[in-house]
N, C-alpha and C. Protein backbone atom coordinates (compact mmCIF):
# COMPACT_ATOMS: atom_id res chain seq x y z
N MET A 1 111.23 90.71 102.92
CA MET A 1 112.30 90.80 101.95
C MET A 1 111.77 90.34 100.60
N ILE A 2 112.04 91.08 99.55
CA ILE A 2 111.51 90.79 98.22
C ILE A 2 112.45 89.80 97.53
N PRO A 3 111.91 88.68 97.04
CA PRO A 3 112.78 87.67 96.42
C PRO A 3 113.17 88.03 95.01
N GLU A 4 114.29 87.49 94.60
CA GLU A 4 114.70 87.58 93.21
C GLU A 4 113.95 86.48 92.45
N VAL A 5 113.80 86.68 91.16
CA VAL A 5 113.18 85.65 90.34
C VAL A 5 114.28 84.70 89.93
N GLY A 6 114.10 83.42 90.26
CA GLY A 6 115.14 82.43 90.00
C GLY A 6 114.92 81.71 88.70
N VAL A 7 114.94 80.39 88.76
CA VAL A 7 114.81 79.51 87.60
C VAL A 7 113.53 79.84 86.83
N LYS A 8 113.62 79.87 85.53
CA LYS A 8 112.45 80.19 84.69
C LYS A 8 111.55 78.98 84.50
N ALA A 9 110.38 79.22 83.95
CA ALA A 9 109.30 78.23 83.86
C ALA A 9 109.68 76.99 83.07
N THR A 10 109.33 75.84 83.66
CA THR A 10 109.48 74.55 82.95
C THR A 10 108.11 73.89 82.78
N GLY A 11 107.18 74.19 83.71
CA GLY A 11 105.84 73.65 83.63
C GLY A 11 105.75 72.17 83.96
N LYS A 12 106.74 71.62 84.66
CA LYS A 12 106.76 70.18 84.97
C LYS A 12 105.82 69.82 86.12
N TYR A 13 105.62 70.75 87.05
CA TYR A 13 104.91 70.39 88.28
C TYR A 13 103.65 71.21 88.54
N THR A 14 103.47 72.33 87.86
CA THR A 14 102.37 73.24 88.21
C THR A 14 101.67 73.80 86.98
N THR A 15 100.47 74.31 87.23
CA THR A 15 99.80 75.21 86.29
C THR A 15 99.38 76.43 87.10
N VAL A 16 99.27 77.57 86.42
CA VAL A 16 98.88 78.79 87.11
C VAL A 16 98.00 79.62 86.19
N ALA A 17 97.06 80.35 86.79
CA ALA A 17 96.18 81.22 86.00
C ALA A 17 96.15 82.59 86.71
N LEU A 18 96.35 83.63 85.93
CA LEU A 18 96.27 85.00 86.42
C LEU A 18 95.02 85.64 85.82
N THR A 19 94.21 86.27 86.67
CA THR A 19 93.04 86.98 86.20
C THR A 19 93.17 88.44 86.56
N VAL A 20 93.23 89.30 85.54
CA VAL A 20 93.23 90.76 85.70
C VAL A 20 92.35 91.32 84.60
N PRO A 21 91.78 92.51 84.80
CA PRO A 21 90.99 93.11 83.71
C PRO A 21 91.91 93.53 82.57
N SER A 22 91.40 93.54 81.36
CA SER A 22 92.22 93.94 80.22
C SER A 22 92.33 95.45 80.08
N SER A 23 91.40 96.20 80.72
CA SER A 23 91.48 97.65 80.63
C SER A 23 91.00 98.28 81.94
N ALA A 24 91.46 99.52 82.16
CA ALA A 24 91.08 100.27 83.35
C ALA A 24 91.33 101.75 83.07
N ASN A 25 90.77 102.60 83.90
CA ASN A 25 91.05 104.04 83.83
C ASN A 25 92.07 104.39 84.89
N VAL A 26 92.86 105.42 84.62
CA VAL A 26 93.81 105.91 85.61
C VAL A 26 93.01 106.32 86.85
N GLY A 27 93.48 105.88 88.00
CA GLY A 27 92.79 106.15 89.26
C GLY A 27 91.96 104.97 89.73
N ASP A 28 91.69 104.00 88.85
CA ASP A 28 90.92 102.81 89.25
C ASP A 28 91.76 101.90 90.13
N THR A 29 91.07 101.14 90.96
CA THR A 29 91.67 100.04 91.71
C THR A 29 91.01 98.77 91.20
N VAL A 30 91.82 97.86 90.63
CA VAL A 30 91.27 96.67 89.97
C VAL A 30 91.62 95.41 90.77
N ASP A 31 90.79 94.38 90.62
CA ASP A 31 91.00 93.10 91.31
C ASP A 31 91.90 92.19 90.48
N TYR A 32 92.63 91.33 91.19
CA TYR A 32 93.41 90.28 90.52
C TYR A 32 93.27 88.99 91.31
N THR A 33 93.48 87.87 90.64
CA THR A 33 93.51 86.56 91.28
C THR A 33 94.61 85.73 90.63
N VAL A 34 95.43 85.10 91.45
CA VAL A 34 96.41 84.13 90.98
C VAL A 34 96.04 82.79 91.60
N LYS A 35 95.88 81.77 90.72
CA LYS A 35 95.51 80.44 91.22
C LYS A 35 96.48 79.43 90.63
N GLY A 36 97.18 78.71 91.52
CA GLY A 36 98.13 77.70 91.08
C GLY A 36 97.73 76.32 91.57
N THR A 37 98.05 75.30 90.77
CA THR A 37 97.73 73.91 91.10
C THR A 37 98.96 73.05 90.85
N LEU A 38 99.21 72.11 91.78
CA LEU A 38 100.29 71.14 91.57
C LEU A 38 99.76 70.02 90.68
N THR A 39 100.44 69.79 89.54
CA THR A 39 100.03 68.73 88.61
C THR A 39 100.91 67.50 88.75
N ALA A 40 101.89 67.58 89.62
CA ALA A 40 102.75 66.45 89.96
C ALA A 40 103.31 66.72 91.35
N THR A 41 103.87 65.73 91.99
CA THR A 41 104.42 65.91 93.34
C THR A 41 105.92 66.17 93.23
N PRO A 42 106.35 67.41 93.54
CA PRO A 42 107.78 67.76 93.48
C PRO A 42 108.45 67.43 94.83
N TYR A 43 109.04 66.24 94.94
CA TYR A 43 109.55 65.76 96.23
C TYR A 43 110.68 66.62 96.80
N TYR A 44 111.42 67.31 95.98
CA TYR A 44 112.56 68.08 96.50
C TYR A 44 112.24 69.55 96.80
N TRP A 45 111.02 70.00 96.54
CA TRP A 45 110.67 71.40 96.80
C TRP A 45 110.44 71.61 98.30
N PRO A 46 110.86 72.74 98.85
CA PRO A 46 110.60 73.03 100.26
C PRO A 46 109.16 73.48 100.52
N ASN A 47 108.47 73.98 99.46
CA ASN A 47 107.09 74.47 99.60
C ASN A 47 106.49 74.63 98.22
N PHE A 48 105.24 74.97 98.19
CA PHE A 48 104.55 75.30 96.95
C PHE A 48 104.19 76.77 97.06
N ALA A 49 104.53 77.57 96.06
CA ALA A 49 104.31 79.02 96.13
C ALA A 49 103.69 79.53 94.83
N ILE A 50 102.89 80.58 94.99
CA ILE A 50 102.36 81.31 93.85
C ILE A 50 102.67 82.78 94.07
N GLY A 51 102.66 83.56 93.00
CA GLY A 51 102.94 84.99 93.16
C GLY A 51 102.40 85.83 92.05
N LEU A 52 102.35 87.13 92.32
CA LEU A 52 102.00 88.14 91.31
C LEU A 52 103.28 88.94 91.06
N TRP A 53 103.69 88.99 89.80
CA TRP A 53 104.95 89.63 89.41
C TRP A 53 104.60 90.84 88.57
N TYR A 54 105.04 92.04 89.03
CA TYR A 54 104.87 93.27 88.24
C TYR A 54 106.07 93.35 87.31
N VAL A 55 105.87 92.96 86.06
CA VAL A 55 106.97 92.86 85.10
C VAL A 55 107.34 94.23 84.54
N ASP A 56 106.33 94.97 84.07
CA ASP A 56 106.64 96.26 83.44
C ASP A 56 105.38 97.12 83.38
N GLY A 57 105.59 98.43 83.26
CA GLY A 57 104.47 99.35 83.14
C GLY A 57 104.93 100.79 83.26
N PRO A 58 104.02 101.73 83.06
CA PRO A 58 104.39 103.14 83.07
C PRO A 58 104.72 103.69 84.47
N ALA A 59 104.23 103.05 85.52
CA ALA A 59 104.52 103.52 86.88
C ALA A 59 105.69 102.72 87.45
N ASN A 60 106.65 103.43 88.06
CA ASN A 60 107.79 102.75 88.66
C ASN A 60 107.38 101.94 89.89
N LYS A 61 106.36 102.42 90.61
CA LYS A 61 105.86 101.73 91.79
C LYS A 61 104.34 101.68 91.73
N LEU A 62 103.79 100.61 92.27
CA LEU A 62 102.34 100.43 92.33
C LEU A 62 101.92 100.11 93.76
N LYS A 63 100.76 100.64 94.13
CA LYS A 63 100.17 100.27 95.41
C LYS A 63 99.30 99.04 95.13
N ILE A 64 99.54 97.97 95.91
CA ILE A 64 98.72 96.77 95.75
C ILE A 64 98.28 96.27 97.12
N TRP A 65 97.26 95.44 97.09
CA TRP A 65 96.78 94.78 98.29
C TRP A 65 96.88 93.30 98.02
N VAL A 66 97.48 92.56 98.98
CA VAL A 66 97.61 91.12 98.89
C VAL A 66 96.88 90.54 100.09
N GLU A 67 95.79 89.80 99.82
CA GLU A 67 95.01 89.18 100.90
C GLU A 67 94.65 90.22 101.97
N GLY A 68 94.38 91.46 101.55
CA GLY A 68 93.96 92.52 102.47
C GLY A 68 95.08 93.40 103.00
N SER A 69 96.33 93.00 102.84
CA SER A 69 97.46 93.81 103.31
C SER A 69 97.95 94.74 102.21
N GLU A 70 98.08 96.02 102.55
CA GLU A 70 98.51 97.02 101.56
C GLU A 70 100.03 97.12 101.53
N MET A 71 100.58 97.25 100.32
CA MET A 71 102.01 97.43 100.15
C MET A 71 102.29 98.14 98.82
N GLU A 72 103.54 98.52 98.63
CA GLU A 72 103.95 99.17 97.39
C GLU A 72 105.05 98.32 96.79
N ILE A 73 104.93 98.01 95.48
CA ILE A 73 105.97 97.23 94.81
C ILE A 73 106.51 97.99 93.61
N SER A 74 107.75 97.70 93.28
CA SER A 74 108.41 98.30 92.12
C SER A 74 108.34 97.36 90.93
N LYS A 75 108.73 97.86 89.77
CA LYS A 75 108.81 97.01 88.58
C LYS A 75 109.75 95.84 88.85
N ASN A 76 109.47 94.73 88.22
CA ASN A 76 110.27 93.50 88.29
C ASN A 76 110.32 92.92 89.70
N VAL A 77 109.27 93.17 90.47
CA VAL A 77 109.16 92.61 91.82
C VAL A 77 107.91 91.75 91.88
N LEU A 78 108.00 90.66 92.67
CA LEU A 78 106.81 89.84 92.85
C LEU A 78 106.49 89.69 94.32
N VAL A 79 105.19 89.54 94.59
CA VAL A 79 104.71 89.21 95.93
C VAL A 79 104.18 87.80 95.85
N TYR A 80 104.33 87.03 96.92
CA TYR A 80 104.02 85.60 96.84
C TYR A 80 103.34 85.10 98.10
N LYS A 81 102.84 83.88 97.98
CA LYS A 81 102.18 83.16 99.07
C LYS A 81 102.64 81.71 98.98
N THR A 82 102.90 81.10 100.14
CA THR A 82 103.41 79.71 100.14
C THR A 82 102.49 78.77 100.92
N SER A 83 102.67 77.48 100.64
CA SER A 83 101.96 76.42 101.35
C SER A 83 102.91 75.23 101.49
N ASN A 84 102.76 74.50 102.58
CA ASN A 84 103.58 73.30 102.78
C ASN A 84 102.96 72.06 102.14
N ARG A 85 101.74 72.19 101.59
CA ARG A 85 101.09 71.05 100.93
C ARG A 85 101.72 70.83 99.57
N LEU A 86 102.32 69.67 99.39
CA LEU A 86 103.00 69.36 98.12
C LEU A 86 102.41 68.15 97.42
N GLU A 87 101.16 67.81 97.75
CA GLU A 87 100.51 66.67 97.11
C GLU A 87 99.93 67.06 95.75
N TYR A 88 99.89 66.08 94.88
CA TYR A 88 99.27 66.27 93.57
C TYR A 88 97.86 66.84 93.74
N GLY A 89 97.50 67.87 92.98
CA GLY A 89 96.17 68.46 93.03
C GLY A 89 96.02 69.59 94.04
N SER A 90 97.03 69.83 94.87
CA SER A 90 96.95 70.95 95.83
C SER A 90 96.79 72.25 95.07
N THR A 91 95.93 73.10 95.58
CA THR A 91 95.66 74.38 94.94
C THR A 91 95.94 75.50 95.92
N LEU A 92 96.47 76.59 95.41
CA LEU A 92 96.78 77.78 96.21
C LEU A 92 96.26 78.99 95.46
N THR A 93 95.53 79.86 96.16
CA THR A 93 94.94 81.04 95.52
C THR A 93 95.36 82.29 96.28
N MET A 94 95.64 83.35 95.53
CA MET A 94 95.99 84.65 96.12
C MET A 94 95.14 85.71 95.42
N THR A 95 94.48 86.55 96.21
CA THR A 95 93.64 87.61 95.64
C THR A 95 94.07 88.96 96.19
N GLY A 96 93.70 89.99 95.45
CA GLY A 96 94.01 91.34 95.92
C GLY A 96 93.56 92.38 94.92
N ARG A 97 94.13 93.56 95.09
CA ARG A 97 93.77 94.70 94.23
C ARG A 97 95.04 95.45 93.83
N ILE A 98 94.95 96.14 92.68
CA ILE A 98 96.06 96.94 92.15
C ILE A 98 95.53 98.33 91.88
N LYS A 99 96.24 99.36 92.33
CA LYS A 99 95.87 100.76 92.07
C LYS A 99 96.58 101.20 90.80
N ILE A 100 95.82 101.66 89.80
CA ILE A 100 96.38 102.10 88.51
C ILE A 100 96.60 103.62 88.59
N ASP A 101 97.86 104.06 88.51
CA ASP A 101 98.20 105.47 88.69
C ASP A 101 98.63 106.23 87.45
N ALA A 102 98.89 105.55 86.36
CA ALA A 102 99.36 106.24 85.14
C ALA A 102 98.81 105.52 83.91
N ALA A 103 98.67 106.26 82.82
CA ALA A 103 98.18 105.68 81.57
C ALA A 103 99.29 104.87 80.90
N GLY A 104 98.90 103.79 80.25
CA GLY A 104 99.86 102.94 79.54
C GLY A 104 99.52 101.48 79.71
N THR A 105 100.45 100.61 79.29
CA THR A 105 100.25 99.16 79.36
C THR A 105 101.03 98.59 80.54
N TYR A 106 100.31 97.88 81.41
CA TYR A 106 100.92 97.20 82.56
C TYR A 106 101.00 95.72 82.25
N LEU A 107 102.16 95.11 82.48
CA LEU A 107 102.36 93.68 82.27
C LEU A 107 102.59 93.01 83.62
N PHE A 108 101.74 92.02 83.90
CA PHE A 108 101.86 91.23 85.12
C PHE A 108 101.98 89.76 84.73
N LYS A 109 102.59 88.98 85.64
CA LYS A 109 102.62 87.54 85.46
C LYS A 109 102.17 86.89 86.76
N GLY A 110 101.31 85.91 86.62
CA GLY A 110 101.00 85.02 87.73
C GLY A 110 101.98 83.88 87.63
N VAL A 111 102.63 83.54 88.74
CA VAL A 111 103.68 82.50 88.70
C VAL A 111 103.39 81.44 89.76
N ALA A 112 103.86 80.22 89.48
CA ALA A 112 103.77 79.12 90.45
C ALA A 112 105.12 78.41 90.46
N GLY A 113 105.50 77.92 91.61
CA GLY A 113 106.76 77.22 91.76
C GLY A 113 107.05 77.04 93.24
N TYR A 114 108.27 77.41 93.65
CA TYR A 114 108.58 77.36 95.08
C TYR A 114 109.49 78.52 95.45
N TYR A 115 109.45 78.86 96.75
CA TYR A 115 110.28 79.94 97.29
C TYR A 115 111.44 79.31 98.06
N ASP A 116 112.68 79.67 97.68
CA ASP A 116 113.89 79.21 98.35
C ASP A 116 114.31 80.28 99.34
N GLU A 117 114.03 80.05 100.62
CA GLU A 117 114.31 81.04 101.66
C GLU A 117 115.81 81.30 101.79
N GLY A 118 116.64 80.29 101.69
CA GLY A 118 118.09 80.44 101.84
C GLY A 118 118.68 81.38 100.79
N LYS A 119 118.17 81.32 99.59
CA LYS A 119 118.68 82.17 98.50
C LYS A 119 117.79 83.40 98.26
N ASN A 120 116.70 83.51 99.03
CA ASN A 120 115.69 84.55 98.81
C ASN A 120 115.35 84.61 97.32
N SER A 121 114.94 83.45 96.80
CA SER A 121 114.69 83.33 95.36
C SER A 121 113.38 82.60 95.14
N PHE A 122 112.58 83.10 94.18
CA PHE A 122 111.35 82.44 93.77
C PHE A 122 111.66 81.69 92.50
N ASN A 123 111.55 80.37 92.54
CA ASN A 123 111.85 79.53 91.38
C ASN A 123 110.54 79.22 90.66
N ILE A 124 110.43 79.72 89.43
CA ILE A 124 109.19 79.64 88.66
C ILE A 124 109.12 78.34 87.88
N ASP A 125 107.99 77.62 88.07
CA ASP A 125 107.75 76.42 87.29
C ASP A 125 106.76 76.71 86.16
N SER A 126 105.75 77.55 86.42
CA SER A 126 104.80 77.93 85.36
C SER A 126 104.39 79.38 85.54
N GLU A 127 103.95 79.99 84.46
CA GLU A 127 103.56 81.40 84.51
C GLU A 127 102.41 81.67 83.54
N ASP A 128 101.65 82.71 83.86
CA ASP A 128 100.54 83.16 83.01
C ASP A 128 100.60 84.67 82.97
N GLU A 129 100.44 85.24 81.79
CA GLU A 129 100.63 86.68 81.59
C GLU A 129 99.29 87.40 81.52
N GLY A 130 99.27 88.61 82.07
CA GLY A 130 98.08 89.46 81.98
C GLY A 130 98.49 90.89 81.74
N LYS A 131 97.78 91.58 80.83
CA LYS A 131 98.06 92.98 80.53
C LYS A 131 96.85 93.82 80.86
N ILE A 132 97.11 95.02 81.39
CA ILE A 132 96.05 95.99 81.65
C ILE A 132 96.37 97.25 80.86
N GLU A 133 95.46 97.64 79.97
CA GLU A 133 95.60 98.90 79.23
C GLU A 133 94.92 99.98 80.06
N ALA A 134 95.70 100.92 80.57
CA ALA A 134 95.16 101.99 81.41
C ALA A 134 95.05 103.26 80.59
N LYS A 135 93.86 103.88 80.64
CA LYS A 135 93.60 105.11 79.89
C LYS A 135 93.19 106.20 80.86
N SER A 136 93.52 107.44 80.48
CA SER A 136 93.04 108.59 81.25
C SER A 136 91.56 108.74 80.95
N PRO A 137 90.74 108.92 81.98
CA PRO A 137 89.31 109.06 81.73
C PRO A 137 89.03 110.35 80.96
N ILE A 138 88.06 110.30 80.05
CA ILE A 138 87.67 111.47 79.25
C ILE A 138 86.56 112.18 80.01
N ILE A 139 86.79 113.43 80.33
CA ILE A 139 85.81 114.22 81.07
C ILE A 139 85.11 115.13 80.08
N THR A 140 83.81 114.96 79.96
CA THR A 140 83.04 115.81 79.04
C THR A 140 82.27 116.83 79.84
N PRO A 141 82.26 118.08 79.38
CA PRO A 141 81.53 119.11 80.12
C PRO A 141 80.04 118.85 80.02
N PRO A 142 79.30 119.27 81.05
CA PRO A 142 77.85 119.05 81.01
C PRO A 142 77.22 119.87 79.89
N THR A 143 76.14 119.36 79.33
CA THR A 143 75.43 120.07 78.26
C THR A 143 74.19 120.72 78.83
N VAL A 144 73.81 121.82 78.23
CA VAL A 144 72.60 122.52 78.61
C VAL A 144 71.43 121.85 77.92
N PRO A 145 70.41 121.45 78.67
CA PRO A 145 69.29 120.77 78.02
C PRO A 145 68.53 121.74 77.11
N THR A 146 68.05 121.23 76.03
CA THR A 146 67.27 122.05 75.08
C THR A 146 65.88 121.47 74.95
N ILE A 147 64.95 122.32 74.59
CA ILE A 147 63.58 121.90 74.35
C ILE A 147 63.45 121.61 72.87
N PRO A 148 63.02 120.40 72.51
CA PRO A 148 62.90 120.07 71.08
C PRO A 148 61.94 121.03 70.38
N GLY A 149 62.35 121.56 69.25
CA GLY A 149 61.53 122.45 68.45
C GLY A 149 61.61 123.90 68.87
N ALA A 150 62.26 124.20 70.01
CA ALA A 150 62.37 125.59 70.45
C ALA A 150 63.43 126.30 69.61
N PRO A 151 63.19 127.59 69.30
CA PRO A 151 64.19 128.29 68.48
C PRO A 151 65.46 128.54 69.29
N GLU A 152 66.59 128.52 68.63
CA GLU A 152 67.89 128.81 69.23
C GLU A 152 67.98 130.29 69.50
N ILE A 153 68.32 130.69 70.69
CA ILE A 153 68.46 132.10 71.02
C ILE A 153 69.97 132.41 71.07
N PRO A 154 70.41 133.40 70.26
CA PRO A 154 71.83 133.74 70.30
C PRO A 154 72.19 134.39 71.64
N TRP A 155 73.39 134.21 72.10
CA TRP A 155 73.80 134.68 73.42
C TRP A 155 74.13 136.16 73.45
N TRP A 156 74.55 136.75 72.32
CA TRP A 156 75.05 138.13 72.36
C TRP A 156 73.97 139.16 72.68
N PRO A 157 72.68 139.01 72.24
CA PRO A 157 71.70 140.02 72.64
C PRO A 157 71.46 140.00 74.16
N ILE A 158 71.54 138.80 74.75
CA ILE A 158 71.36 138.69 76.20
C ILE A 158 72.51 139.38 76.92
N ALA A 159 73.70 139.23 76.41
CA ALA A 159 74.88 139.85 77.01
C ALA A 159 74.78 141.39 76.92
N ILE A 160 74.34 141.88 75.76
CA ILE A 160 74.21 143.34 75.57
C ILE A 160 73.14 143.88 76.51
N ALA A 161 71.99 143.18 76.60
CA ALA A 161 70.91 143.64 77.47
C ALA A 161 71.39 143.68 78.92
N GLY A 162 72.14 142.67 79.33
CA GLY A 162 72.68 142.65 80.69
C GLY A 162 73.62 143.81 80.94
N ALA A 163 74.46 144.12 79.98
CA ALA A 163 75.40 145.25 80.12
C ALA A 163 74.65 146.58 80.21
N VAL A 164 73.61 146.74 79.38
CA VAL A 164 72.81 147.97 79.40
C VAL A 164 72.14 148.15 80.76
N VAL A 165 71.54 147.08 81.28
CA VAL A 165 70.89 147.15 82.59
C VAL A 165 71.91 147.52 83.67
N ALA A 166 73.09 146.98 83.59
CA ALA A 166 74.13 147.30 84.58
C ALA A 166 74.52 148.77 84.51
N VAL A 167 74.70 149.30 83.30
CA VAL A 167 75.07 150.71 83.13
C VAL A 167 73.95 151.61 83.64
N ILE A 168 72.69 151.30 83.31
CA ILE A 168 71.56 152.11 83.79
C ILE A 168 71.52 152.09 85.31
N GLY A 169 71.75 150.95 85.91
CA GLY A 169 71.75 150.84 87.37
C GLY A 169 72.82 151.72 88.00
N ILE A 170 73.99 151.77 87.39
CA ILE A 170 75.08 152.60 87.90
C ILE A 170 74.72 154.08 87.77
N VAL A 171 74.17 154.46 86.61
CA VAL A 171 73.79 155.86 86.39
C VAL A 171 72.74 156.28 87.41
N ILE A 172 71.71 155.45 87.65
CA ILE A 172 70.67 155.78 88.62
C ILE A 172 71.28 155.93 90.00
N ALA A 173 72.17 155.03 90.38
CA ALA A 173 72.81 155.10 91.70
C ALA A 173 73.59 156.40 91.85
N VAL A 174 74.30 156.83 90.80
CA VAL A 174 75.07 158.07 90.85
C VAL A 174 74.14 159.27 90.97
N VAL A 175 73.03 159.28 90.18
CA VAL A 175 72.07 160.38 90.22
C VAL A 175 71.46 160.49 91.61
N ILE A 176 71.03 159.37 92.17
CA ILE A 176 70.42 159.39 93.51
C ILE A 176 71.43 159.91 94.53
N HIS A 177 72.65 159.44 94.41
CA HIS A 177 73.71 159.86 95.34
C HIS A 177 73.92 161.38 95.24
N GLU A 178 73.94 161.90 94.03
CA GLU A 178 74.12 163.33 93.83
C GLU A 178 72.94 164.12 94.40
N GLU A 179 71.71 163.61 94.20
CA GLU A 179 70.54 164.29 94.74
C GLU A 179 70.58 164.31 96.27
N GLU A 180 71.02 163.23 96.86
CA GLU A 180 71.14 163.17 98.32
C GLU A 180 72.15 164.21 98.81
N LYS A 181 73.25 164.37 98.08
CA LYS A 181 74.26 165.34 98.45
C LYS A 181 73.67 166.76 98.43
N GLU A 182 72.90 167.06 97.34
CA GLU A 182 72.31 168.39 97.22
C GLU A 182 71.33 168.64 98.35
N MET A 183 70.54 167.63 98.72
CA MET A 183 69.58 167.79 99.81
C MET A 183 70.31 168.05 101.13
N MET A 184 71.43 167.40 101.34
CA MET A 184 72.19 167.61 102.58
C MET A 184 72.72 169.04 102.63
N TYR A 185 73.19 169.56 101.49
CA TYR A 185 73.70 170.93 101.45
C TYR A 185 72.57 171.92 101.77
N MET A 186 71.39 171.63 101.16
CA MET A 186 70.26 172.52 101.42
C MET A 186 69.87 172.49 102.89
N MET A 187 69.89 171.32 103.51
CA MET A 187 69.53 171.23 104.91
C MET A 187 70.55 171.97 105.79
N MET A 188 71.78 171.95 105.39
CA MET A 188 72.82 172.67 106.16
C MET A 188 72.60 174.15 106.03
N LEU A 189 72.18 174.60 104.84
CA LEU A 189 71.98 176.02 104.62
C LEU A 189 70.75 176.52 105.40
N VAL A 190 69.73 175.68 105.56
CA VAL A 190 68.52 176.06 106.25
C VAL A 190 68.81 176.26 107.72
N ARG A 191 69.70 175.58 108.31
CA ARG A 191 69.99 175.68 109.75
C ARG A 191 70.59 176.95 110.03
């Protein structure tokens, strides 16, 4: 079940860092890392959680991998990981990949806080933002290698010569065919 985003960042108990590339090509699959640390002991939290939040972007849904598990998420949805360790200095890391399917700017947030199972809500204590600029790859046609210093040969004389050879070939084939027909008639007459 996908949690709602609850209380916004206060930064009292955690720090978080999101690592994503700043640019990618459409069709690329890029790596991400979310790393959160408890900077104080939150005695009333049920757990310590970090997450990756797909805030906005050109694709309504994205294919992502979280710790090796593949899933699809929509805009304004986050995936998270929890730990029961609530001591000062506890660190939680989540890694995975994101498939980039459309050109444009993708906005993600790495978040840290806690997950409230009863309310199905992720309460954010700290956040870090990351943007990926996705571009369509530019495909350039292959070039014909040239020999330095060689003269440029225009293409049209080659095309004309090819056409002339083709026409001569057709004429010869017709003439041979006609001669064969005449020989067959003569052979029939001889019998």
